[in-house]
Amino acid sequence: LAFLILGFQLARTFDLKAKSVEQVDVTIEVQDIPVTQQFRRPPPPPRPSIPIPTDEEAVPEDLTISSTNLDLTEIPPPPPPRESDDEGENIFVAYDEPPEIIGGMSALLYHLNYPPLARKSGVECTVVAKIYVTKSGESKKVEILKVSAAGFGFERSAVQALKKVRWKPAKQRDRAISTWVAVPVKFELTN
């Protein structure tokens, strides 16, 4: 309580003076802005009138459609057999052992050529490719799924390297099968 009373006594002893504010002249320029005119939409087209029945009968004569005779007992021939291509469609095949590159990633790196433009520019990249590995271990098809730096030639270099390597085919119940596999190919510059 004593501090509070002392605080009020000290506050009285200070003089507060009001600052004088300079008057600032502000000029406002009024620009002549042309009035914008809004265009009116054209009125909607008139609604179609309701047909009114007439006394005249200008109705065309009834047309009869000749009957068609369909023989439903005759069975059409079956379609020709589809030429089965071993690489077929993009069908997922479950496997017990995935396909592997013979020699590992070092074999892939042996065939991999770093694009000169990318090397000169100092660009690194990761290419994700989907490869169709046959039963015999060949890479039949290579499709690019994702490229982190496009336009430097990484895609072509990855496809060429993946087509050159040999694969240990995927196995399903100890039997070699053809299947698709996705492989990331990393292009890294080393000093």
N, C-alpha and C. Protein backbone atom coordinates (compact mmCIF):
# COMPACT_ATOMS: atom_id res chain seq x y z
N LEU A 1 0.84 -1.19 0.00
CA LEU A 1 0.00 0.00 0.00
C LEU A 1 0.88 1.25 0.00
N ALA A 2 1.99 1.18 0.73
CA ALA A 2 2.89 2.33 0.80
C ALA A 2 3.50 2.61 -0.57
N PHE A 3 3.84 1.54 -1.31
CA PHE A 3 4.40 1.75 -2.64
C PHE A 3 3.39 2.40 -3.58
N LEU A 4 2.16 2.04 -3.42
CA LEU A 4 1.11 2.60 -4.26
C LEU A 4 0.94 4.09 -3.99
N ILE A 5 0.92 4.48 -2.73
CA ILE A 5 0.78 5.90 -2.38
C ILE A 5 2.00 6.66 -2.87
N LEU A 6 3.18 6.11 -2.68
CA LEU A 6 4.41 6.76 -3.12
C LEU A 6 4.42 6.93 -4.64
N GLY A 7 3.91 5.96 -5.35
CA GLY A 7 3.82 6.03 -6.81
C GLY A 7 2.93 7.16 -7.26
N PHE A 8 1.79 7.35 -6.59
CA PHE A 8 0.89 8.44 -6.97
C PHE A 8 1.51 9.80 -6.67
N GLN A 9 2.24 9.91 -5.59
CA GLN A 9 2.88 11.18 -5.23
C GLN A 9 3.96 11.55 -6.26
N LEU A 10 4.72 10.58 -6.71
CA LEU A 10 5.76 10.85 -7.70
C LEU A 10 5.18 11.19 -9.06
N ALA A 11 4.06 10.62 -9.38
CA ALA A 11 3.44 10.86 -10.67
C ALA A 11 2.95 12.29 -10.76
N ARG A 12 2.60 12.92 -9.67
CA ARG A 12 2.11 14.29 -9.69
C ARG A 12 3.22 15.28 -9.97
N THR A 13 4.42 14.94 -9.59
CA THR A 13 5.51 15.90 -9.71
C THR A 13 6.01 16.07 -11.13
N PHE A 14 5.71 15.16 -12.02
CA PHE A 14 6.14 15.29 -13.40
C PHE A 14 5.20 16.20 -14.16
N ASP A 15 5.75 17.08 -14.96
CA ASP A 15 4.93 17.96 -15.79
C ASP A 15 4.80 17.34 -17.18
N LEU A 16 3.61 17.33 -17.64
CA LEU A 16 3.36 16.81 -18.98
C LEU A 16 3.07 18.00 -19.88
N LYS A 17 3.81 18.11 -20.98
CA LYS A 17 3.60 19.20 -21.91
C LYS A 17 3.10 18.60 -23.23
N ALA A 18 2.18 19.28 -23.81
CA ALA A 18 1.65 18.84 -25.09
C ALA A 18 2.57 19.30 -26.20
N LYS A 19 2.81 18.46 -27.18
CA LYS A 19 3.65 18.81 -28.31
C LYS A 19 2.81 19.58 -29.32
N SER A 20 3.45 20.50 -29.95
CA SER A 20 2.73 21.24 -30.99
C SER A 20 2.93 20.49 -32.32
N VAL A 21 1.88 20.36 -33.05
CA VAL A 21 1.90 19.63 -34.32
C VAL A 21 1.92 20.64 -35.44
N GLU A 22 2.85 20.46 -36.37
CA GLU A 22 2.93 21.37 -37.51
C GLU A 22 1.80 21.05 -38.47
N GLN A 23 1.30 22.11 -39.06
CA GLN A 23 0.21 21.93 -40.00
C GLN A 23 0.80 21.65 -41.38
N VAL A 24 0.35 20.59 -42.02
CA VAL A 24 0.87 20.18 -43.32
C VAL A 24 -0.20 20.46 -44.36
N ASP A 25 0.22 21.13 -45.44
CA ASP A 25 -0.72 21.41 -46.52
C ASP A 25 -0.75 20.21 -47.47
N VAL A 26 -1.92 19.69 -47.71
CA VAL A 26 -2.10 18.55 -48.60
C VAL A 26 -2.92 19.02 -49.79
N THR A 27 -2.39 18.78 -50.97
CA THR A 27 -3.15 19.15 -52.17
C THR A 27 -3.72 17.88 -52.77
N ILE A 28 -4.95 17.96 -53.12
CA ILE A 28 -5.65 16.82 -53.72
C ILE A 28 -6.00 17.20 -55.14
N GLU A 29 -5.53 16.38 -56.08
CA GLU A 29 -5.84 16.62 -57.48
C GLU A 29 -6.99 15.71 -57.87
N VAL A 30 -7.96 16.27 -58.53
CA VAL A 30 -9.10 15.50 -58.99
C VAL A 30 -8.91 15.25 -60.47
N GLN A 31 -8.93 14.00 -60.84
CA GLN A 31 -8.77 13.65 -62.25
C GLN A 31 -10.15 13.41 -62.84
N ASP A 32 -10.27 13.76 -64.09
CA ASP A 32 -11.53 13.56 -64.77
C ASP A 32 -11.54 12.13 -65.33
N ILE A 33 -12.25 11.26 -64.69
CA ILE A 33 -12.33 9.86 -65.11
C ILE A 33 -13.61 9.68 -65.92
N PRO A 34 -13.49 9.15 -67.14
CA PRO A 34 -14.71 8.98 -67.94
C PRO A 34 -15.62 7.93 -67.31
N VAL A 35 -16.89 8.15 -67.49
CA VAL A 35 -17.89 7.24 -66.94
C VAL A 35 -17.91 5.97 -67.79
N THR A 36 -17.81 4.82 -67.13
CA THR A 36 -17.86 3.56 -67.87
C THR A 36 -19.32 3.18 -68.09
N GLN A 37 -19.57 2.70 -69.27
CA GLN A 37 -20.93 2.29 -69.59
C GLN A 37 -21.00 0.77 -69.63
N GLN A 38 -21.98 0.26 -68.99
CA GLN A 38 -22.17 -1.19 -69.01
C GLN A 38 -23.10 -1.52 -70.17
N PHE A 39 -22.71 -2.54 -70.90
CA PHE A 39 -23.53 -2.95 -72.02
C PHE A 39 -24.67 -3.82 -71.51
N ARG A 40 -25.79 -3.60 -72.09
CA ARG A 40 -26.95 -4.40 -71.69
C ARG A 40 -26.97 -5.69 -72.49
N ARG A 41 -27.35 -6.73 -71.82
CA ARG A 41 -27.46 -8.02 -72.51
C ARG A 41 -28.68 -7.99 -73.42
N PRO A 42 -28.56 -8.68 -74.54
CA PRO A 42 -29.74 -8.74 -75.40
C PRO A 42 -30.82 -9.57 -74.71
N PRO A 43 -32.06 -9.26 -74.99
CA PRO A 43 -33.13 -10.03 -74.34
C PRO A 43 -33.07 -11.48 -74.78
N PRO A 44 -33.50 -12.39 -73.90
CA PRO A 44 -33.47 -13.81 -74.28
C PRO A 44 -34.42 -14.06 -75.45
N PRO A 45 -34.11 -15.09 -76.25
CA PRO A 45 -34.99 -15.38 -77.39
C PRO A 45 -36.38 -15.78 -76.89
N PRO A 46 -37.38 -15.50 -77.68
CA PRO A 46 -38.74 -15.83 -77.24
C PRO A 46 -38.91 -17.34 -77.09
N ARG A 47 -39.71 -17.71 -76.13
CA ARG A 47 -39.97 -19.13 -75.90
C ARG A 47 -40.83 -19.68 -77.03
N PRO A 48 -40.64 -20.96 -77.33
CA PRO A 48 -41.47 -21.53 -78.40
C PRO A 48 -42.94 -21.55 -77.95
N SER A 49 -43.76 -21.31 -78.92
CA SER A 49 -45.19 -21.27 -78.59
C SER A 49 -45.75 -22.68 -78.44
N ILE A 50 -46.82 -22.77 -77.73
CA ILE A 50 -47.49 -24.05 -77.50
C ILE A 50 -48.30 -24.38 -78.75
N PRO A 51 -48.15 -25.58 -79.28
CA PRO A 51 -48.92 -25.92 -80.49
C PRO A 51 -50.43 -25.91 -80.20
N ILE A 52 -51.14 -25.33 -81.12
CA ILE A 52 -52.60 -25.25 -80.99
C ILE A 52 -53.20 -26.23 -81.98
N PRO A 53 -54.10 -27.09 -81.51
CA PRO A 53 -54.71 -28.06 -82.43
C PRO A 53 -55.56 -27.34 -83.48
N THR A 54 -55.52 -27.88 -84.70
CA THR A 54 -56.30 -27.30 -85.79
C THR A 54 -57.34 -28.30 -86.25
N ASP A 55 -58.24 -27.78 -87.06
CA ASP A 55 -59.30 -28.65 -87.59
C ASP A 55 -58.82 -29.46 -88.79
N GLU A 56 -57.77 -28.98 -89.45
CA GLU A 56 -57.27 -29.69 -90.62
C GLU A 56 -56.49 -30.93 -90.19
N GLU A 57 -56.61 -31.92 -91.02
CA GLU A 57 -55.85 -33.13 -90.74
C GLU A 57 -54.78 -33.29 -91.81
N ALA A 58 -53.62 -32.75 -91.54
CA ALA A 58 -52.50 -32.86 -92.47
C ALA A 58 -51.48 -33.85 -91.92
N VAL A 59 -51.98 -34.88 -91.29
CA VAL A 59 -51.12 -35.88 -90.69
C VAL A 59 -50.72 -36.89 -91.77
N PRO A 60 -49.44 -37.23 -91.88
CA PRO A 60 -49.05 -38.21 -92.90
C PRO A 60 -49.67 -39.57 -92.61
N GLU A 61 -49.80 -40.32 -93.67
CA GLU A 61 -50.38 -41.65 -93.52
C GLU A 61 -49.45 -42.53 -92.71
N ASP A 62 -50.03 -43.54 -92.09
CA ASP A 62 -49.22 -44.46 -91.29
C ASP A 62 -48.26 -45.22 -92.20
N LEU A 63 -47.03 -45.23 -91.80
CA LEU A 63 -46.03 -45.97 -92.55
C LEU A 63 -45.81 -47.30 -91.86
N THR A 64 -45.75 -48.33 -92.63
CA THR A 64 -45.50 -49.65 -92.05
C THR A 64 -44.07 -50.05 -92.39
N ILE A 65 -43.44 -50.61 -91.41
CA ILE A 65 -42.07 -51.08 -91.59
C ILE A 65 -42.15 -52.56 -91.90
N SER A 66 -41.45 -52.94 -92.95
CA SER A 66 -41.52 -54.34 -93.33
C SER A 66 -40.87 -55.19 -92.24
N SER A 67 -41.39 -56.34 -92.04
CA SER A 67 -40.88 -57.22 -90.98
C SER A 67 -39.53 -57.81 -91.42
N THR A 68 -38.68 -58.00 -90.45
CA THR A 68 -37.38 -58.60 -90.72
C THR A 68 -37.36 -59.99 -90.12
N ASN A 69 -36.80 -60.88 -90.86
CA ASN A 69 -36.72 -62.26 -90.39
C ASN A 69 -35.30 -62.52 -89.89
N LEU A 70 -35.19 -62.75 -88.62
CA LEU A 70 -33.90 -63.07 -88.03
C LEU A 70 -33.88 -64.53 -87.63
N ASP A 71 -32.82 -65.19 -88.00
CA ASP A 71 -32.67 -66.59 -87.63
C ASP A 71 -31.84 -66.63 -86.35
N LEU A 72 -32.49 -66.76 -85.22
CA LEU A 72 -31.82 -66.74 -83.93
C LEU A 72 -31.23 -68.09 -83.55
N THR A 73 -31.50 -69.10 -84.32
CA THR A 73 -30.96 -70.42 -84.01
C THR A 73 -29.52 -70.56 -84.52
N GLU A 74 -29.15 -69.74 -85.50
CA GLU A 74 -27.80 -69.83 -86.06
C GLU A 74 -26.83 -69.10 -85.13
N ILE A 75 -25.77 -69.79 -84.76
CA ILE A 75 -24.77 -69.23 -83.85
C ILE A 75 -23.64 -68.64 -84.68
N PRO A 76 -23.25 -67.41 -84.40
CA PRO A 76 -22.15 -66.82 -85.19
C PRO A 76 -20.83 -67.53 -84.88
N PRO A 77 -19.90 -67.52 -85.81
CA PRO A 77 -18.62 -68.19 -85.57
C PRO A 77 -17.84 -67.45 -84.48
N PRO A 78 -17.02 -68.18 -83.75
CA PRO A 78 -16.24 -67.52 -82.69
C PRO A 78 -15.20 -66.59 -83.30
N PRO A 79 -14.78 -65.59 -82.57
CA PRO A 79 -13.77 -64.67 -83.10
C PRO A 79 -12.44 -65.40 -83.27
N PRO A 80 -11.59 -64.92 -84.16
CA PRO A 80 -10.31 -65.59 -84.36
C PRO A 80 -9.47 -65.50 -83.09
N PRO A 81 -8.65 -66.51 -82.84
CA PRO A 81 -7.85 -66.49 -81.62
C PRO A 81 -6.86 -65.32 -81.64
N ARG A 82 -6.66 -64.77 -80.49
CA ARG A 82 -5.75 -63.65 -80.35
C ARG A 82 -4.33 -64.15 -80.42
N GLU A 83 -3.51 -63.44 -81.18
CA GLU A 83 -2.11 -63.84 -81.24
C GLU A 83 -1.48 -63.46 -79.92
N SER A 84 -1.10 -64.47 -79.17
CA SER A 84 -0.55 -64.18 -77.85
C SER A 84 0.90 -63.77 -77.99
N ASP A 85 1.18 -62.61 -77.50
CA ASP A 85 2.55 -62.11 -77.49
C ASP A 85 3.05 -62.32 -76.08
N ASP A 86 4.24 -62.80 -75.95
CA ASP A 86 4.76 -63.15 -74.62
C ASP A 86 4.81 -61.93 -73.71
N GLU A 87 5.09 -60.74 -74.30
CA GLU A 87 5.17 -59.56 -73.46
C GLU A 87 3.79 -58.99 -73.17
N GLY A 88 2.81 -59.33 -73.98
CA GLY A 88 1.42 -59.03 -73.73
C GLY A 88 1.13 -57.65 -73.21
N GLU A 89 0.28 -57.61 -72.23
CA GLU A 89 -0.17 -56.36 -71.65
C GLU A 89 0.60 -56.10 -70.37
N ASN A 90 0.30 -55.02 -69.74
CA ASN A 90 0.94 -54.69 -68.47
C ASN A 90 0.21 -55.41 -67.35
N ILE A 91 0.35 -56.72 -67.33
CA ILE A 91 -0.33 -57.53 -66.32
C ILE A 91 0.66 -57.82 -65.21
N PHE A 92 0.22 -57.62 -63.98
CA PHE A 92 1.09 -57.93 -62.86
C PHE A 92 1.10 -59.43 -62.66
N VAL A 93 2.29 -59.99 -62.55
CA VAL A 93 2.45 -61.42 -62.30
C VAL A 93 3.13 -61.56 -60.94
N ALA A 94 2.47 -62.27 -60.05
CA ALA A 94 3.06 -62.49 -58.73
C ALA A 94 4.22 -63.46 -58.86
N TYR A 95 5.30 -63.15 -58.17
CA TYR A 95 6.47 -64.02 -58.24
C TYR A 95 7.04 -64.21 -56.84
N ASP A 96 7.72 -65.35 -56.67
CA ASP A 96 8.36 -65.64 -55.39
C ASP A 96 9.72 -64.96 -55.30
N GLU A 97 10.46 -64.96 -56.41
CA GLU A 97 11.77 -64.32 -56.46
C GLU A 97 11.74 -63.27 -57.57
N PRO A 98 12.10 -62.02 -57.27
CA PRO A 98 12.07 -60.98 -58.30
C PRO A 98 13.22 -61.15 -59.29
N PRO A 99 13.09 -60.58 -60.48
CA PRO A 99 14.20 -60.64 -61.43
C PRO A 99 15.36 -59.79 -60.92
N GLU A 100 16.58 -60.24 -61.19
CA GLU A 100 17.77 -59.53 -60.73
C GLU A 100 18.74 -59.38 -61.89
N ILE A 101 19.49 -58.29 -61.87
CA ILE A 101 20.52 -58.07 -62.89
C ILE A 101 21.69 -59.00 -62.58
N ILE A 102 22.13 -59.75 -63.59
CA ILE A 102 23.29 -60.63 -63.39
C ILE A 102 24.51 -59.73 -63.28
N GLY A 103 25.21 -59.83 -62.17
CA GLY A 103 26.35 -58.96 -61.92
C GLY A 103 25.98 -57.77 -61.05
N GLY A 104 24.71 -57.64 -60.70
CA GLY A 104 24.27 -56.57 -59.81
C GLY A 104 24.29 -55.20 -60.48
N MET A 105 24.24 -54.17 -59.65
CA MET A 105 24.21 -52.81 -60.16
C MET A 105 25.53 -52.42 -60.82
N SER A 106 26.62 -53.11 -60.46
CA SER A 106 27.90 -52.79 -61.10
C SER A 106 27.86 -53.15 -62.59
N ALA A 107 27.11 -54.19 -62.96
CA ALA A 107 26.96 -54.54 -64.38
C ALA A 107 26.18 -53.45 -65.11
N LEU A 108 25.18 -52.89 -64.43
CA LEU A 108 24.41 -51.80 -65.03
C LEU A 108 25.28 -50.55 -65.18
N LEU A 109 26.08 -50.27 -64.15
CA LEU A 109 26.96 -49.10 -64.20
C LEU A 109 28.01 -49.23 -65.30
N TYR A 110 28.42 -50.46 -65.60
CA TYR A 110 29.40 -50.70 -66.66
C TYR A 110 28.84 -50.26 -68.02
N HIS A 111 27.55 -50.53 -68.25
CA HIS A 111 26.91 -50.19 -69.53
C HIS A 111 26.36 -48.77 -69.55
N LEU A 112 26.33 -48.10 -68.42
CA LEU A 112 25.70 -46.79 -68.31
C LEU A 112 26.66 -45.69 -68.77
N ASN A 113 26.21 -44.85 -69.68
CA ASN A 113 26.99 -43.71 -70.17
C ASN A 113 26.36 -42.42 -69.65
N TYR A 114 27.16 -41.60 -68.99
CA TYR A 114 26.66 -40.32 -68.48
C TYR A 114 26.53 -39.37 -69.67
N PRO A 115 25.36 -38.75 -69.88
CA PRO A 115 25.19 -37.85 -71.02
C PRO A 115 26.17 -36.67 -70.95
N PRO A 116 26.85 -36.35 -72.05
CA PRO A 116 27.87 -35.28 -72.03
C PRO A 116 27.31 -33.92 -71.63
N LEU A 117 26.12 -33.58 -72.11
CA LEU A 117 25.52 -32.29 -71.77
C LEU A 117 25.26 -32.19 -70.28
N ALA A 118 24.79 -33.28 -69.68
CA ALA A 118 24.52 -33.29 -68.24
C ALA A 118 25.82 -33.22 -67.45
N ARG A 119 26.86 -33.90 -67.92
CA ARG A 119 28.15 -33.87 -67.23
C ARG A 119 28.72 -32.45 -67.27
N LYS A 120 28.61 -31.81 -68.43
CA LYS A 120 29.11 -30.45 -68.60
C LYS A 120 28.34 -29.48 -67.71
N SER A 121 27.01 -29.69 -67.58
CA SER A 121 26.16 -28.80 -66.78
C SER A 121 26.21 -29.12 -65.30
N GLY A 122 26.75 -30.28 -64.94
CA GLY A 122 26.82 -30.68 -63.54
C GLY A 122 25.48 -31.14 -62.99
N VAL A 123 24.64 -31.73 -63.86
CA VAL A 123 23.30 -32.16 -63.46
C VAL A 123 23.32 -33.63 -63.09
N GLU A 124 22.66 -33.97 -61.97
CA GLU A 124 22.48 -35.36 -61.56
C GLU A 124 21.01 -35.71 -61.72
N CYS A 125 20.72 -37.00 -61.84
CA CYS A 125 19.34 -37.39 -62.14
C CYS A 125 19.06 -38.80 -61.64
N THR A 126 17.79 -39.07 -61.41
CA THR A 126 17.32 -40.43 -61.13
C THR A 126 16.24 -40.75 -62.15
N VAL A 127 16.41 -41.86 -62.86
CA VAL A 127 15.45 -42.31 -63.86
C VAL A 127 14.83 -43.60 -63.33
N VAL A 128 13.50 -43.64 -63.28
CA VAL A 128 12.80 -44.87 -62.88
C VAL A 128 12.24 -45.48 -64.16
N ALA A 129 12.66 -46.71 -64.45
CA ALA A 129 12.25 -47.38 -65.68
C ALA A 129 11.55 -48.69 -65.34
N LYS A 130 10.63 -49.07 -66.24
CA LYS A 130 9.91 -50.33 -66.10
C LYS A 130 10.41 -51.24 -67.21
N ILE A 131 10.89 -52.44 -66.83
CA ILE A 131 11.51 -53.35 -67.79
C ILE A 131 10.72 -54.65 -67.83
N TYR A 132 10.50 -55.15 -69.06
CA TYR A 132 9.86 -56.45 -69.22
C TYR A 132 10.97 -57.48 -69.37
N VAL A 133 11.14 -58.31 -68.34
CA VAL A 133 12.18 -59.33 -68.33
C VAL A 133 11.54 -60.65 -68.75
N THR A 134 12.08 -61.27 -69.81
CA THR A 134 11.52 -62.53 -70.32
C THR A 134 12.01 -63.72 -69.49
N LYS A 135 11.47 -64.88 -69.82
CA LYS A 135 11.86 -66.12 -69.12
C LYS A 135 13.34 -66.42 -69.33
N SER A 136 13.86 -66.01 -70.48
CA SER A 136 15.27 -66.30 -70.79
C SER A 136 16.22 -65.26 -70.20
N GLY A 137 15.70 -64.21 -69.58
CA GLY A 137 16.55 -63.22 -68.92
C GLY A 137 16.90 -62.03 -69.78
N GLU A 138 16.18 -61.82 -70.87
CA GLU A 138 16.42 -60.66 -71.72
C GLU A 138 15.48 -59.53 -71.31
N SER A 139 15.95 -58.30 -71.47
CA SER A 139 15.05 -57.16 -71.25
C SER A 139 14.45 -56.80 -72.60
N LYS A 140 13.18 -57.16 -72.76
CA LYS A 140 12.51 -57.03 -74.05
C LYS A 140 12.01 -55.61 -74.29
N LYS A 141 11.36 -55.03 -73.29
CA LYS A 141 10.82 -53.67 -73.41
C LYS A 141 11.29 -52.85 -72.22
N VAL A 142 11.55 -51.57 -72.48
CA VAL A 142 11.93 -50.64 -71.41
C VAL A 142 11.06 -49.40 -71.57
N GLU A 143 10.35 -49.04 -70.52
CA GLU A 143 9.51 -47.84 -70.52
C GLU A 143 9.96 -46.93 -69.38
N ILE A 144 10.06 -45.65 -69.66
CA ILE A 144 10.46 -44.68 -68.64
C ILE A 144 9.22 -44.27 -67.86
N LEU A 145 9.29 -44.39 -66.53
CA LEU A 145 8.18 -43.99 -65.67
C LEU A 145 8.36 -42.58 -65.12
N LYS A 146 9.60 -42.25 -64.71
CA LYS A 146 9.83 -40.96 -64.06
C LYS A 146 11.27 -40.53 -64.29
N VAL A 147 11.45 -39.23 -64.54
CA VAL A 147 12.78 -38.65 -64.73
C VAL A 147 12.85 -37.39 -63.88
N SER A 148 13.89 -37.28 -63.05
CA SER A 148 13.98 -36.11 -62.19
C SER A 148 14.57 -34.90 -62.91
N ALA A 149 15.33 -35.10 -63.98
CA ALA A 149 15.89 -33.98 -64.76
C ALA A 149 15.76 -34.33 -66.24
N ALA A 150 14.68 -33.88 -66.85
CA ALA A 150 14.43 -34.22 -68.25
C ALA A 150 15.18 -33.29 -69.19
N GLY A 151 15.45 -33.77 -70.38
CA GLY A 151 16.04 -32.94 -71.42
C GLY A 151 17.55 -33.00 -71.52
N PHE A 152 18.20 -33.84 -70.74
CA PHE A 152 19.65 -33.93 -70.79
C PHE A 152 20.13 -35.24 -71.42
N GLY A 153 19.23 -36.15 -71.77
CA GLY A 153 19.61 -37.42 -72.38
C GLY A 153 19.72 -38.57 -71.40
N PHE A 154 19.26 -38.37 -70.15
CA PHE A 154 19.33 -39.44 -69.16
C PHE A 154 18.43 -40.61 -69.56
N GLU A 155 17.27 -40.31 -70.14
CA GLU A 155 16.32 -41.37 -70.49
C GLU A 155 16.93 -42.33 -71.50
N ARG A 156 17.50 -41.79 -72.57
CA ARG A 156 18.08 -42.63 -73.63
C ARG A 156 19.23 -43.46 -73.09
N SER A 157 20.07 -42.86 -72.26
CA SER A 157 21.21 -43.57 -71.70
C SER A 157 20.75 -44.72 -70.80
N ALA A 158 19.71 -44.47 -69.99
CA ALA A 158 19.18 -45.52 -69.10
C ALA A 158 18.56 -46.66 -69.90
N VAL A 159 17.80 -46.33 -70.95
CA VAL A 159 17.17 -47.37 -71.78
C VAL A 159 18.24 -48.23 -72.45
N GLN A 160 19.27 -47.60 -73.00
CA GLN A 160 20.34 -48.37 -73.66
C GLN A 160 21.05 -49.30 -72.69
N ALA A 161 21.34 -48.81 -71.49
CA ALA A 161 22.04 -49.64 -70.50
C ALA A 161 21.15 -50.78 -70.03
N LEU A 162 19.86 -50.52 -69.79
CA LEU A 162 18.97 -51.57 -69.30
C LEU A 162 18.71 -52.64 -70.36
N LYS A 163 18.78 -52.28 -71.63
CA LYS A 163 18.59 -53.29 -72.68
C LYS A 163 19.83 -54.17 -72.84
N LYS A 164 21.00 -53.65 -72.47
CA LYS A 164 22.24 -54.42 -72.63
C LYS A 164 22.47 -55.43 -71.52
N VAL A 165 21.97 -55.17 -70.32
CA VAL A 165 22.27 -56.08 -69.21
C VAL A 165 21.45 -57.36 -69.31
N ARG A 166 22.00 -58.44 -68.76
CA ARG A 166 21.30 -59.73 -68.69
C ARG A 166 20.66 -59.84 -67.32
N TRP A 167 19.56 -60.56 -67.27
CA TRP A 167 18.79 -60.68 -66.04
C TRP A 167 18.65 -62.13 -65.62
N LYS A 168 18.55 -62.33 -64.34
CA LYS A 168 18.13 -63.62 -63.80
C LYS A 168 16.61 -63.49 -63.71
N PRO A 169 15.84 -64.31 -64.46
CA PRO A 169 14.39 -64.10 -64.52
C PRO A 169 13.71 -64.33 -63.17
N ALA A 170 12.51 -63.77 -63.08
CA ALA A 170 11.71 -63.96 -61.87
C ALA A 170 11.28 -65.41 -61.80
N LYS A 171 11.06 -65.88 -60.58
CA LYS A 171 10.64 -67.27 -60.41
C LYS A 171 9.34 -67.32 -59.63
N GLN A 172 8.50 -68.23 -60.10
CA GLN A 172 7.23 -68.49 -59.42
C GLN A 172 7.16 -70.00 -59.25
N ARG A 173 7.22 -70.45 -58.01
CA ARG A 173 7.24 -71.89 -57.69
C ARG A 173 8.39 -72.59 -58.42
N ASP A 174 9.56 -72.03 -58.32
CA ASP A 174 10.78 -72.57 -58.92
C ASP A 174 10.72 -72.70 -60.44
N ARG A 175 9.89 -71.90 -61.07
CA ARG A 175 9.77 -71.91 -62.53
C ARG A 175 9.97 -70.48 -63.02
N ALA A 176 10.83 -70.29 -64.03
CA ALA A 176 11.10 -68.95 -64.56
C ALA A 176 9.87 -68.41 -65.27
N ILE A 177 9.57 -67.14 -65.02
CA ILE A 177 8.42 -66.49 -65.66
C ILE A 177 8.85 -65.13 -66.21
N SER A 178 8.08 -64.64 -67.17
CA SER A 178 8.30 -63.29 -67.70
C SER A 178 7.47 -62.32 -66.88
N THR A 179 8.04 -61.16 -66.57
CA THR A 179 7.31 -60.18 -65.76
C THR A 179 7.91 -58.79 -65.94
N TRP A 180 7.19 -57.80 -65.47
CA TRP A 180 7.66 -56.41 -65.46
C TRP A 180 8.30 -56.11 -64.12
N VAL A 181 9.33 -55.29 -64.14
CA VAL A 181 9.98 -54.88 -62.90
C VAL A 181 10.40 -53.41 -63.06
N ALA A 182 10.29 -52.65 -61.97
CA ALA A 182 10.70 -51.24 -61.99
C ALA A 182 12.08 -51.11 -61.36
N VAL A 183 12.95 -50.36 -62.01
CA VAL A 183 14.33 -50.20 -61.53
C VAL A 183 14.69 -48.71 -61.53
N PRO A 184 15.18 -48.19 -60.39
CA PRO A 184 15.69 -46.81 -60.40
C PRO A 184 17.15 -46.80 -60.86
N VAL A 185 17.47 -45.90 -61.76
CA VAL A 185 18.84 -45.75 -62.25
C VAL A 185 19.30 -44.36 -61.82
N LYS A 186 20.35 -44.32 -60.98
CA LYS A 186 20.85 -43.04 -60.46
C LYS A 186 22.08 -42.61 -61.23
N PHE A 187 22.04 -41.37 -61.72
CA PHE A 187 23.18 -40.76 -62.39
C PHE A 187 23.77 -39.76 -61.40
N GLU A 188 24.98 -40.05 -60.89
CA GLU A 188 25.62 -39.18 -59.91
C GLU A 188 27.02 -38.83 -60.39
N LEU A 189 27.37 -37.57 -60.24
CA LEU A 189 28.72 -37.12 -60.58
C LEU A 189 29.63 -37.33 -59.39
N THR A 190 30.81 -37.87 -59.64
CA THR A 190 31.80 -38.03 -58.57
C THR A 190 32.99 -37.16 -58.90
N ASN A 191 33.56 -36.54 -57.87
CA ASN A 191 34.71 -35.64 -58.09
C ASN A 191 35.99 -36.42 -58.22
